[in-house]
């Protein structure tokens, strides 16, 4: 099931206080970037973020879900209506995210 563009727009509006948030459409879903690093994405109208220590610290009880069959578990962000929390989550995750791969 592809994600609704309206949900993407809502999440992007919630993150609008952060500079450097962007997205790319990929097979009906959306990958979310912060300052060039992948933080997560929107899959089946769910905001999922990478399972890294900073995200787990802010959301210790977050459900672990797969974005698609065969993928690694990610953390479901249930509190998408709290813009301040979302911005803090994404910002605090940044240092724990891998650098983008260099293209050859």
Protein backbone atom coordinates (compact mmCIF):
# COMPACT_ATOMS: atom_id res chain seq x y z
CA UNK A 1 0.00 0.00 0.00
CA UNK A 2 1.45 3.37 -0.97
CA UNK A 3 1.50 6.23 1.52
CA UNK A 4 -0.77 9.22 1.08
CA UNK A 5 1.00 12.41 -0.04
CA UNK A 6 -1.18 14.35 2.42
CA UNK A 7 0.36 12.44 5.33
CA UNK A 8 3.84 13.26 4.04
CA UNK A 9 2.90 16.94 3.79
CA UNK A 10 1.59 16.87 7.38
CA UNK A 11 4.83 15.34 8.68
CA UNK A 12 6.93 17.82 6.71
CA UNK A 13 4.87 20.68 8.18
CA UNK A 14 5.42 19.26 11.67
CA UNK A 15 9.19 19.30 10.99
CA UNK A 16 9.25 22.74 9.36
CA UNK A 17 11.07 24.33 12.32
CA UNK A 18 14.16 22.29 11.42
CA UNK A 19 16.41 23.42 8.57
CA UNK A 20 17.66 20.61 6.36
CA UNK A 21 14.69 18.22 6.37
CA UNK A 22 13.88 16.77 2.96
CA UNK A 23 12.39 13.68 1.40
CA UNK A 24 12.58 11.49 -1.67
CA UNK A 25 9.76 9.43 -3.09
CA UNK A 26 10.61 5.78 -3.49
CA UNK A 27 8.19 3.12 -4.74
CA UNK A 28 5.11 4.81 -3.29
CA UNK A 29 6.75 5.58 0.04
CA UNK A 30 8.95 8.46 1.24
CA UNK A 31 12.48 8.47 2.68
CA UNK A 32 13.06 11.31 5.17
CA UNK A 33 16.47 13.01 5.33
CA UNK A 34 17.94 15.43 7.83
CA UNK A 35 21.01 17.34 6.68
CA UNK A 36 21.64 14.66 4.06
CA UNK A 37 21.35 11.67 6.40
CA UNK A 38 18.47 9.19 6.33
CA UNK A 39 16.48 9.34 9.57
CA UNK A 40 13.60 7.14 8.50
CA UNK A 41 10.60 7.33 6.27
CA UNK A 42 6.90 7.14 5.75
CA UNK A 43 5.70 3.63 5.03
CA UNK A 44 2.00 2.74 4.77
CA UNK A 45 1.14 6.12 6.35
CA UNK A 46 3.37 5.42 9.37
CA UNK A 47 6.38 7.51 10.38
CA UNK A 48 9.20 5.08 11.13
CA UNK A 49 12.69 6.12 12.24
CA UNK A 50 15.95 4.24 12.44
CA UNK A 51 16.45 2.18 15.54
CA UNK A 52 19.43 4.01 17.07
CA UNK A 53 20.21 4.83 20.72
CA UNK A 54 19.06 8.47 20.53
CA UNK A 55 15.64 7.47 19.17
CA UNK A 56 15.27 4.63 21.66
CA UNK A 57 16.13 6.99 24.54
CA UNK A 58 13.35 9.42 23.53
CA UNK A 59 10.85 6.66 22.73
CA UNK A 60 11.70 3.72 25.04
CA UNK A 61 8.30 2.09 24.58
CA UNK A 62 7.99 2.64 20.82
CA UNK A 63 6.76 -0.36 18.86
CA UNK A 64 9.30 -1.98 16.55
CA UNK A 65 7.88 -2.40 13.07
CA UNK A 66 9.15 -3.38 9.64
CA UNK A 67 8.64 -0.80 6.87
CA UNK A 68 8.20 -3.67 4.37
CA UNK A 69 8.70 -7.46 4.42
CA UNK A 70 12.32 -8.46 4.87
CA UNK A 71 13.46 -5.05 6.16
CA UNK A 72 15.14 -4.31 9.49
CA UNK A 73 12.92 -3.19 12.35
CA UNK A 74 12.40 0.52 12.78
CA UNK A 75 10.71 2.52 15.55
CA UNK A 76 7.14 3.68 15.04
CA UNK A 77 6.67 7.35 15.96
CA UNK A 78 3.22 7.50 17.48
CA UNK A 79 3.34 11.11 18.69
CA UNK A 80 3.35 12.80 15.26
CA UNK A 81 1.01 15.57 16.41
CA UNK A 82 3.65 17.07 18.74
CA UNK A 83 5.82 19.17 16.44
CA UNK A 84 8.28 20.04 19.22
CA UNK A 85 8.85 16.39 20.05
CA UNK A 86 9.31 15.43 16.39
CA UNK A 87 11.87 18.17 15.81
CA UNK A 88 13.76 17.21 18.97
CA UNK A 89 13.72 13.53 17.97
CA UNK A 90 15.10 14.16 14.49
CA UNK A 91 17.69 16.66 15.72
CA UNK A 92 18.96 14.38 18.51
CA UNK A 93 19.19 11.43 16.12
CA UNK A 94 21.53 13.26 13.72
CA UNK A 95 24.89 12.46 15.35
CA UNK A 96 24.04 8.74 15.53
CA UNK A 97 23.10 8.44 11.86
CA UNK A 98 25.57 7.10 9.31
CA UNK A 99 27.15 9.43 6.78
CA UNK A 100 25.71 9.18 3.27
CA UNK A 101 27.52 6.71 1.05
CA UNK A 102 29.86 8.21 -1.50
CA UNK A 103 28.88 7.48 -5.10
CA UNK A 104 31.57 6.13 -7.35
